[in-house]
Amino acid sequence: RGQIGVVVGAVTSESAKGFGLPDTRGALVSDVRPGGPAEKAGIEPGDVIRAVNGTPIEDSSDLPPVIGAMAPGTTARLSILRGGKTIERNV
């Protein structure tokens, strides 16, 4: 079972406004496990994961099954919104 070492929550309309997001799609990263794959890839609290390997993440509950279905050691390409810009990270 794959894992990337993040704690995520829903993107509410309030958090979307606060982070300057265009909508409430995605999984808001609230914590990154020290030494985990996400930290090594540069994922930060406040990032919003919008897609994994091109699969859209509409809600925070979409992320765990997508990542969990991957074999440990597999590289995933994440599309992330940070500071109003989309960035790509391999985790």
PDB file of N, CA and C in Angstrom:
ATOM      1  N   ARG A   1       0.843  -1.178   0.000  1.00  0.00           N
ATOM      2  CA  ARG A   1       0.000   0.000   0.000  1.00  0.00           C
ATOM      3  C   ARG A   1       0.887   1.239   0.000  1.00  0.00           C
ATOM      4  N   GLY A   2       0.673   2.106  -0.971  1.00  0.00           N
ATOM      5  CA  GLY A   2       1.476   3.321  -1.072  1.00  0.00           C
ATOM      6  C   GLY A   2       1.052   4.386  -0.078  1.00  0.00           C
ATOM      7  N   GLN A   3       1.993   5.220   0.285  1.00  0.00           N
ATOM      8  CA  GLN A   3       1.697   6.396   1.104  1.00  0.00           C
ATOM      9  C   GLN A   3       2.746   7.454   0.819  1.00  0.00           C
ATOM     10  N   ILE A   4       2.346   8.720   0.977  1.00  0.00           N
ATOM     11  CA  ILE A   4       3.285   9.800   0.674  1.00  0.00           C
ATOM     12  C   ILE A   4       3.666  10.610   1.908  1.00  0.00           C
ATOM     13  N   GLY A   5       2.990  10.378   3.029  1.00  0.00           N
ATOM     14  CA  GLY A   5       3.374  11.051   4.261  1.00  0.00           C
ATOM     15  C   GLY A   5       2.785  12.437   4.439  1.00  0.00           C
ATOM     16  N   VAL A   6       1.501  12.579   4.123  1.00  0.00           N
ATOM     17  CA  VAL A   6       0.814  13.852   4.344  1.00  0.00           C
ATOM     18  C   VAL A   6      -0.499  13.617   5.076  1.00  0.00           C
ATOM     19  N   VAL A   7      -0.940  14.651   5.771  1.00  0.00           N
ATOM     20  CA  VAL A   7      -2.283  14.690   6.332  1.00  0.00           C
ATOM     21  C   VAL A   7      -3.029  15.729   5.506  1.00  0.00           C
ATOM     22  N   VAL A   8      -4.189  15.342   4.976  1.00  0.00           N
ATOM     23  CA  VAL A   8      -4.953  16.256   4.125  1.00  0.00           C
ATOM     24  C   VAL A   8      -6.350  16.473   4.686  1.00  0.00           C
ATOM     25  N   GLY A   9      -6.927  17.575   4.267  1.00  0.00           N
ATOM     26  CA  GLY A   9      -8.298  17.894   4.633  1.00  0.00           C
ATOM     27  C   GLY A   9      -9.000  18.517   3.449  1.00  0.00           C
ATOM     28  N   ALA A  10     -10.266  18.794   3.649  1.00  0.00           N
ATOM     29  CA  ALA A  10     -11.081  19.383   2.583  1.00  0.00           C
ATOM     30  C   ALA A  10     -10.689  20.836   2.345  1.00  0.00           C
ATOM     31  N   VAL A  11     -10.858  21.269   1.115  1.00  0.00           N
ATOM     32  CA  VAL A  11     -10.702  22.674   0.769  1.00  0.00           C
ATOM     33  C   VAL A  11     -12.088  23.303   0.913  1.00  0.00           C
ATOM     34  N   THR A  12     -12.280  24.050   1.973  1.00  0.00           N
ATOM     35  CA  THR A  12     -13.562  24.716   2.193  1.00  0.00           C
ATOM     36  C   THR A  12     -13.582  26.032   1.427  1.00  0.00           C
ATOM     37  N   SER A  13     -14.749  26.632   1.324  1.00  0.00           N
ATOM     38  CA  SER A  13     -14.811  27.932   0.642  1.00  0.00           C
ATOM     39  C   SER A  13     -13.992  28.975   1.396  1.00  0.00           C
ATOM     40  N   GLU A  14     -13.946  28.863   2.730  1.00  0.00           N
ATOM     41  CA  GLU A  14     -13.158  29.805   3.524  1.00  0.00           C
ATOM     42  C   GLU A  14     -11.661  29.619   3.283  1.00  0.00           C
ATOM     43  N   SER A  15     -11.200  28.342   3.296  1.00  0.00           N
ATOM     44  CA  SER A  15      -9.774  28.111   3.062  1.00  0.00           C
ATOM     45  C   SER A  15      -9.397  28.455   1.623  1.00  0.00           C
ATOM     46  N   ALA A  16     -10.304  28.209   0.677  1.00  0.00           N
ATOM     47  CA  ALA A  16     -10.032  28.572  -0.719  1.00  0.00           C
ATOM     48  C   ALA A  16      -9.806  30.075  -0.835  1.00  0.00           C
ATOM     49  N   LYS A  17     -10.653  30.849  -0.155  1.00  0.00           N
ATOM     50  CA  LYS A  17     -10.485  32.304  -0.160  1.00  0.00           C
ATOM     51  C   LYS A  17      -9.165  32.703   0.476  1.00  0.00           C
ATOM     52  N   GLY A  18      -8.868  32.105   1.638  1.00  0.00           N
ATOM     53  CA  GLY A  18      -7.664  32.438   2.375  1.00  0.00           C
ATOM     54  C   GLY A  18      -6.383  32.118   1.616  1.00  0.00           C
ATOM     55  N   PHE A  19      -6.398  31.015   0.857  1.00  0.00           N
ATOM     56  CA  PHE A  19      -5.216  30.619   0.087  1.00  0.00           C
ATOM     57  C   PHE A  19      -5.252  31.168  -1.338  1.00  0.00           C
ATOM     58  N   GLY A  20      -6.297  31.918  -1.688  1.00  0.00           N
ATOM     59  CA  GLY A  20      -6.403  32.482  -3.029  1.00  0.00           C
ATOM     60  C   GLY A  20      -6.625  31.436  -4.103  1.00  0.00           C
ATOM     61  N   LEU A  21      -7.401  30.390  -3.768  1.00  0.00           N
ATOM     62  CA  LEU A  21      -7.658  29.307  -4.719  1.00  0.00           C
ATOM     63  C   LEU A  21      -8.869  29.628  -5.588  1.00  0.00           C
ATOM     64  N   PRO A  22      -8.888  29.117  -6.819  1.00  0.00           N
ATOM     65  CA  PRO A  22     -10.003  29.408  -7.717  1.00  0.00           C
ATOM     66  C   PRO A  22     -11.284  28.655  -7.364  1.00  0.00           C
ATOM     67  N   ASP A  23     -11.163  27.520  -6.633  1.00  0.00           N
ATOM     68  CA  ASP A  23     -12.336  26.717  -6.286  1.00  0.00           C
ATOM     69  C   ASP A  23     -11.980  25.815  -5.104  1.00  0.00           C
ATOM     70  N   THR A  24     -12.863  24.879  -4.775  1.00  0.00           N
ATOM     71  CA  THR A  24     -12.641  24.013  -3.616  1.00  0.00           C
ATOM     72  C   THR A  24     -12.190  22.604  -4.007  1.00  0.00           C
ATOM     73  N   ARG A  25     -11.729  22.423  -5.240  1.00  0.00           N
ATOM     74  CA  ARG A  25     -11.253  21.101  -5.671  1.00  0.00           C
ATOM     75  C   ARG A  25      -9.886  20.804  -5.071  1.00  0.00           C
ATOM     76  N   GLY A  26      -9.660  19.534  -4.736  1.00  0.00           N
ATOM     77  CA  GLY A  26      -8.347  19.105  -4.291  1.00  0.00           C
ATOM     78  C   GLY A  26      -8.302  18.716  -2.833  1.00  0.00           C
ATOM     79  N   ALA A  27      -7.099  18.362  -2.387  1.00  0.00           N
ATOM     80  CA  ALA A  27      -6.844  17.945  -1.010  1.00  0.00           C
ATOM     81  C   ALA A  27      -5.836  18.917  -0.404  1.00  0.00           C
ATOM     82  N   LEU A  28      -6.245  19.620   0.637  1.00  0.00           N
ATOM     83  CA  LEU A  28      -5.400  20.611   1.294  1.00  0.00           C
ATOM     84  C   LEU A  28      -4.449  19.918   2.264  1.00  0.00           C
ATOM     85  N   VAL A  29      -3.156  20.095   2.061  1.00  0.00           N
ATOM     86  CA  VAL A  29      -2.149  19.481   2.924  1.00  0.00           C
ATOM     87  C   VAL A  29      -2.067  20.291   4.222  1.00  0.00           C
ATOM     88  N   SER A  30      -2.357  19.622   5.346  1.00  0.00           N
ATOM     89  CA  SER A  30      -2.279  20.304   6.641  1.00  0.00           C
ATOM     90  C   SER A  30      -1.008  19.939   7.393  1.00  0.00           C
ATOM     91  N   ASP A  31      -0.401  18.788   7.067  1.00  0.00           N
ATOM     92  CA  ASP A  31       0.816  18.364   7.744  1.00  0.00           C
ATOM     93  C   ASP A  31       1.613  17.449   6.819  1.00  0.00           C
ATOM     94  N   VAL A  32       2.932  17.533   6.945  1.00  0.00           N
ATOM     95  CA  VAL A  32       3.837  16.698   6.165  1.00  0.00           C
ATOM     96  C   VAL A  32       4.725  15.933   7.143  1.00  0.00           C
ATOM     97  N   ARG A  33       4.749  14.608   7.022  1.00  0.00           N
ATOM     98  CA  ARG A  33       5.538  13.786   7.935  1.00  0.00           C
ATOM     99  C   ARG A  33       7.030  13.990   7.673  1.00  0.00           C
ATOM    100  N   PRO A  34       7.795  14.332   8.728  1.00  0.00           N
ATOM    101  CA  PRO A  34       9.240  14.533   8.563  1.00  0.00           C
ATOM    102  C   PRO A  34       9.920  13.278   8.016  1.00  0.00           C
ATOM    103  N   GLY A  35      10.748  13.479   7.006  1.00  0.00           N
ATOM    104  CA  GLY A  35      11.494  12.380   6.414  1.00  0.00           C
ATOM    105  C   GLY A  35      10.713  11.531   5.428  1.00  0.00           C
ATOM    106  N   GLY A  36       9.425  11.831   5.247  1.00  0.00           N
ATOM    107  CA  GLY A  36       8.594  11.050   4.333  1.00  0.00           C
ATOM    108  C   GLY A  36       8.781  11.466   2.884  1.00  0.00           C
ATOM    109  N   PRO A  37       8.182  10.704   1.974  1.00  0.00           N
ATOM    110  CA  PRO A  37       8.317  11.008   0.541  1.00  0.00           C
ATOM    111  C   PRO A  37       7.851  12.419   0.162  1.00  0.00           C
ATOM    112  N   ALA A  38       6.752  12.884   0.768  1.00  0.00           N
ATOM    113  CA  ALA A  38       6.245  14.223   0.430  1.00  0.00           C
ATOM    114  C   ALA A  38       7.236  15.305   0.847  1.00  0.00           C
ATOM    115  N   GLU A  39       7.807  15.172   2.042  1.00  0.00           N
ATOM    116  CA  GLU A  39       8.791  16.170   2.488  1.00  0.00           C
ATOM    117  C   GLU A  39       9.997  16.182   1.550  1.00  0.00           C
ATOM    118  N   LYS A  40      10.468  15.002   1.188  1.00  0.00           N
ATOM    119  CA  LYS A  40      11.618  14.908   0.282  1.00  0.00           C
ATOM    120  C   LYS A  40      11.326  15.533  -1.077  1.00  0.00           C
ATOM    121  N   ALA A  41      10.051  15.514  -1.488  1.00  0.00           N
ATOM    122  CA  ALA A  41       9.655  16.091  -2.777  1.00  0.00           C
ATOM    123  C   ALA A  41       9.349  17.584  -2.681  1.00  0.00           C
ATOM    124  N   GLY A  42       9.393  18.138  -1.466  1.00  0.00           N
ATOM    125  CA  GLY A  42       9.154  19.575  -1.306  1.00  0.00           C
ATOM    126  C   GLY A  42       7.703  19.961  -1.107  1.00  0.00           C
ATOM    127  N   ILE A  43       6.843  19.001  -0.756  1.00  0.00           N
ATOM    128  CA  ILE A  43       5.441  19.313  -0.469  1.00  0.00           C
ATOM    129  C   ILE A  43       5.393  20.052   0.863  1.00  0.00           C
ATOM    130  N   GLU A  44       4.540  21.079   0.944  1.00  0.00           N
ATOM    131  CA  GLU A  44       4.454  21.916   2.137  1.00  0.00           C
ATOM    132  C   GLU A  44       3.017  22.023   2.627  1.00  0.00           C
ATOM    133  N   PRO A  45       2.839  22.239   3.947  1.00  0.00           N
ATOM    134  CA  PRO A  45       1.485  22.539   4.439  1.00  0.00           C
ATOM    135  C   PRO A  45       0.941  23.759   3.683  1.00  0.00           C
ATOM    136  N   GLY A  46      -0.325  23.690   3.323  1.00  0.00           N
ATOM    137  CA  GLY A  46      -0.945  24.756   2.538  1.00  0.00           C
ATOM    138  C   GLY A  46      -1.008  24.441   1.055  1.00  0.00           C
ATOM    139  N   ASP A  47      -0.216  23.461   0.609  1.00  0.00           N
ATOM    140  CA  ASP A  47      -0.316  23.021  -0.785  1.00  0.00           C
ATOM    141  C   ASP A  47      -1.659  22.327  -0.990  1.00  0.00           C
ATOM    142  N   VAL A  48      -2.175  22.412  -2.198  1.00  0.00           N
ATOM    143  CA  VAL A  48      -3.409  21.714  -2.546  1.00  0.00           C
ATOM    144  C   VAL A  48      -3.093  20.738  -3.668  1.00  0.00           C
ATOM    145  N   ILE A  49      -3.242  19.452  -3.369  1.00  0.00           N
ATOM    146  CA  ILE A  49      -2.998  18.411  -4.369  1.00  0.00           C
ATOM    147  C   ILE A  49      -4.233  18.309  -5.248  1.00  0.00           C
ATOM    148  N   ARG A  50      -4.051  18.584  -6.538  1.00  0.00           N
ATOM    149  CA  ARG A  50      -5.179  18.626  -7.477  1.00  0.00           C
ATOM    150  C   ARG A  50      -5.243  17.414  -8.392  1.00  0.00           C
ATOM    151  N   ALA A  51      -4.109  16.704  -8.574  1.00  0.00           N
ATOM    152  CA  ALA A  51      -4.108  15.517  -9.442  1.00  0.00           C
ATOM    153  C   ALA A  51      -2.917  14.632  -9.092  1.00  0.00           C
ATOM    154  N   VAL A  52      -3.100  13.325  -9.315  1.00  0.00           N
ATOM    155  CA  VAL A  52      -2.037  12.334  -9.144  1.00  0.00           C
ATOM    156  C   VAL A  52      -1.928  11.559 -10.446  1.00  0.00           C
ATOM    157  N   ASN A  53      -0.775  11.654 -11.091  1.00  0.00           N
ATOM    158  CA  ASN A  53      -0.569  10.990 -12.384  1.00  0.00           C
ATOM    159  C   ASN A  53      -1.692  11.312 -13.371  1.00  0.00           C
ATOM    160  N   GLY A  54      -2.157  12.551 -13.342  1.00  0.00           N
ATOM    161  CA  GLY A  54      -3.208  12.990 -14.254  1.00  0.00           C
ATOM    162  C   GLY A  54      -4.627  12.692 -13.799  1.00  0.00           C
ATOM    163  N   THR A  55      -4.792  11.931 -12.708  1.00  0.00           N
ATOM    164  CA  THR A  55      -6.124  11.635 -12.175  1.00  0.00           C
ATOM    165  C   THR A  55      -6.551  12.778 -11.278  1.00  0.00           C
ATOM    166  N   PRO A  56      -7.649  13.473 -11.609  1.00  0.00           N
ATOM    167  CA  PRO A  56      -8.075  14.609 -10.796  1.00  0.00           C
ATOM    168  C   PRO A  56      -8.436  14.198  -9.364  1.00  0.00           C
ATOM    169  N   ILE A  57      -8.065  15.046  -8.424  1.00  0.00           N
ATOM    170  CA  ILE A  57      -8.445  14.893  -7.023  1.00  0.00           C
ATOM    171  C   ILE A  57      -9.479  15.987  -6.764  1.00  0.00           C
ATOM    172  N   GLU A  58     -10.743  15.592  -6.733  1.00  0.00           N
ATOM    173  CA  GLU A  58     -11.828  16.560  -6.560  1.00  0.00           C
ATOM    174  C   GLU A  58     -12.035  16.908  -5.089  1.00  0.00           C
ATOM    175  N   ASP A  59     -11.827  15.918  -4.204  1.00  0.00           N
ATOM    176  CA  ASP A  59     -12.080  16.077  -2.781  1.00  0.00           C
ATOM    177  C   ASP A  59     -10.940  15.397  -2.020  1.00  0.00           C
ATOM    178  N   SER A  60     -10.722  15.805  -0.776  1.00  0.00           N
ATOM    179  CA  SER A  60      -9.615  15.218  -0.006  1.00  0.00           C
ATOM    180  C   SER A  60      -9.772  13.709   0.157  1.00  0.00           C
ATOM    181  N   SER A  61     -11.000  13.206   0.146  1.00  0.00           N
ATOM    182  CA  SER A  61     -11.211  11.762   0.298  1.00  0.00           C
ATOM    183  C   SER A  61     -10.812  10.977  -0.951  1.00  0.00           C
ATOM    184  N   ASP A  62     -10.571  11.654  -2.068  1.00  0.00           N
ATOM    185  CA  ASP A  62     -10.129  10.981  -3.294  1.00  0.00           C
ATOM    186  C   ASP A  62      -8.658  10.574  -3.222  1.00  0.00           C
ATOM    187  N   LEU A  63      -7.857  11.291  -2.440  1.00  0.00           N
ATOM    188  CA  LEU A  63      -6.410  11.068  -2.444  1.00  0.00           C
ATOM    189  C   LEU A  63      -5.982   9.736  -1.832  1.00  0.00           C
ATOM    190  N   PRO A  64      -6.427   9.372  -0.622  1.00  0.00           N
ATOM    191  CA  PRO A  64      -5.926   8.124  -0.022  1.00  0.00           C
ATOM    192  C   PRO A  64      -6.105   6.866  -0.876  1.00  0.00           C
ATOM    193  N   PRO A  65      -7.275   6.641  -1.506  1.00  0.00           N
ATOM    194  CA  PRO A  65      -7.380   5.428  -2.316  1.00  0.00           C
ATOM    195  C   PRO A  65      -6.492   5.441  -3.559  1.00  0.00           C
ATOM    196  N   VAL A  66      -6.273   6.618  -4.148  1.00  0.00           N
ATOM    197  CA  VAL A  66      -5.420   6.699  -5.341  1.00  0.00           C
ATOM    198  C   VAL A  66      -3.977   6.376  -4.965  1.00  0.00           C
ATOM    199  N   ILE A  67      -3.492   6.978  -3.890  1.00  0.00           N
ATOM    200  CA  ILE A  67      -2.120   6.716  -3.442  1.00  0.00           C
ATOM    201  C   ILE A  67      -2.011   5.302  -2.878  1.00  0.00           C
ATOM    202  N   GLY A  68      -2.994   4.877  -2.094  1.00  0.00           N
ATOM    203  CA  GLY A  68      -2.967   3.564  -1.468  1.00  0.00           C
ATOM    204  C   GLY A  68      -2.955   2.416  -2.465  1.00  0.00           C
ATOM    205  N   ALA A  69      -3.494   2.633  -3.655  1.00  0.00           N
ATOM    206  CA  ALA A  69      -3.529   1.590  -4.679  1.00  0.00           C
ATOM    207  C   ALA A  69      -2.165   1.390  -5.352  1.00  0.00           C
ATOM    208  N   MET A  70      -1.241   2.307  -5.097  1.00  0.00           N
ATOM    209  CA  MET A  70       0.088   2.206  -5.705  1.00  0.00           C
ATOM    210  C   MET A  70       0.990   1.329  -4.844  1.00  0.00           C
ATOM    211  N   ALA A  71       1.885   0.639  -5.493  1.00  0.00           N
ATOM    212  CA  ALA A  71       2.861  -0.190  -4.765  1.00  0.00           C
ATOM    213  C   ALA A  71       3.885   0.717  -4.090  1.00  0.00           C
ATOM    214  N   PRO A  72       4.328   0.351  -2.879  1.00  0.00           N
ATOM    215  CA  PRO A  72       5.398   1.126  -2.232  1.00  0.00           C
ATOM    216  C   PRO A  72       6.609   1.235  -3.154  1.00  0.00           C
ATOM    217  N   GLY A  73       7.194   2.422  -3.171  1.00  0.00           N
ATOM    218  CA  GLY A  73       8.360   2.655  -4.020  1.00  0.00           C
ATOM    219  C   GLY A  73       8.027   3.192  -5.395  1.00  0.00           C
ATOM    220  N   THR A  74       6.733   3.217  -5.746  1.00  0.00           N
ATOM    221  CA  THR A  74       6.297   3.758  -7.028  1.00  0.00           C
ATOM    222  C   THR A  74       6.389   5.283  -6.987  1.00  0.00           C
ATOM    223  N   THR A  75       6.791   5.887  -8.100  1.00  0.00           N
ATOM    224  CA  THR A  75       6.826   7.347  -8.188  1.00  0.00           C
ATOM    225  C   THR A  75       5.499   7.849  -8.718  1.00  0.00           C
ATOM    226  N   ALA A  76       4.962   8.862  -8.038  1.00  0.00           N
ATOM    227  CA  ALA A  76       3.712   9.493  -8.472  1.00  0.00           C
ATOM    228  C   ALA A  76       4.001  10.947  -8.833  1.00  0.00           C
ATOM    229  N   ARG A  77       3.357  11.428  -9.878  1.00  0.00           N
ATOM    230  CA  ARG A  77       3.481  12.829 -10.305  1.00  0.00           C
ATOM    231  C   ARG A  77       2.275  13.583  -9.754  1.00  0.00           C
ATOM    232  N   LEU A  78       2.539  14.548  -8.850  1.00  0.00           N
ATOM    233  CA  LEU A  78       1.465  15.331  -8.248  1.00  0.00           C
ATOM    234  C   LEU A  78       1.375  16.695  -8.899  1.00  0.00           C
ATOM    235  N   SER A  79       0.155  17.132  -9.186  1.00  0.00           N
ATOM    236  CA  SER A  79      -0.104  18.510  -9.602  1.00  0.00           C
ATOM    237  C   SER A  79      -0.607  19.236  -8.373  1.00  0.00           C
ATOM    238  N   ILE A  80       0.069  20.322  -8.034  1.00  0.00           N
ATOM    239  CA  ILE A  80      -0.190  21.032  -6.780  1.00  0.00           C
ATOM    240  C   ILE A  80      -0.418  22.501  -7.066  1.00  0.00           C
ATOM    241  N   LEU A  81      -1.370  23.084  -6.334  1.00  0.00           N
ATOM    242  CA  LEU A  81      -1.539  24.536  -6.349  1.00  0.00           C
ATOM    243  C   LEU A  81      -0.822  25.098  -5.136  1.00  0.00           C
ATOM    244  N   ARG A  82       0.070  26.041  -5.385  1.00  0.00           N
ATOM    245  CA  ARG A  82       0.788  26.716  -4.301  1.00  0.00           C
ATOM    246  C   ARG A  82       0.903  28.190  -4.681  1.00  0.00           C
ATOM    247  N   GLY A  83       0.374  29.041  -3.824  1.00  0.00           N
ATOM    248  CA  GLY A  83       0.484  30.477  -4.094  1.00  0.00           C
ATOM    249  C   GLY A  83      -0.138  30.900  -5.407  1.00  0.00           C
ATOM    250  N   GLY A  84      -1.226  30.226  -5.790  1.00  0.00           N
ATOM    251  CA  GLY A  84      -1.927  30.577  -7.030  1.00  0.00           C
ATOM    252  C   GLY A  84      -1.320  29.994  -8.282  1.00  0.00           C
ATOM    253  N   LYS A  85      -0.211  29.246  -8.156  1.00  0.00           N
ATOM    254  CA  LYS A  85       0.447  28.664  -9.320  1.00  0.00           C
ATOM    255  C   LYS A  85       0.419  27.152  -9.239  1.00  0.00           C
ATOM    256  N   THR A  86       0.308  26.500 -10.400  1.00  0.00           N
ATOM    257  CA  THR A  86       0.356  25.041 -10.451  1.00  0.00           C
ATOM    258  C   THR A  86       1.807  24.616 -10.591  1.00  0.00           C
ATOM    259  N   ILE A  87       2.199  23.680  -9.717  1.00  0.00           N
ATOM    260  CA  ILE A  87       3.542  23.116  -9.804  1.00  0.00           C
ATOM    261  C   ILE A  87       3.410  21.606  -9.870  1.00  0.00           C
ATOM    262  N   GLU A  88       4.417  20.960 -10.400  1.00  0.00           N
ATOM    263  CA  GLU A  88       4.447  19.501 -10.513  1.00  0.00           C
ATOM    264  C   GLU A  88       5.572  18.976  -9.634  1.00  0.00           C
ATOM    265  N   ARG A  89       5.311  17.903  -8.928  1.00  0.00           N
ATOM    266  CA  ARG A  89       6.318  17.271  -8.065  1.00  0.00           C
ATOM    267  C   ARG A  89       6.238  15.759  -8.222  1.00  0.00           C
ATOM    268  N   ASN A  90       7.389  15.103  -8.308  1.00  0.00           N
ATOM    269  CA  ASN A  90       7.453  13.647  -8.284  1.00  0.00           C
ATOM    270  C   ASN A  90       7.651  13.213  -6.843  1.00  0.00           C
ATOM    271  N   VAL A  91       6.780  12.310  -6.382  1.00  0.00           N
ATOM    272  CA  VAL A  91       6.839  11.816  -5.008  1.00  0.00           C
ATOM    273  C   VAL A  91       7.007  10.311  -5.067  1.00  0.00           C
TER     274      VAL A  91
END
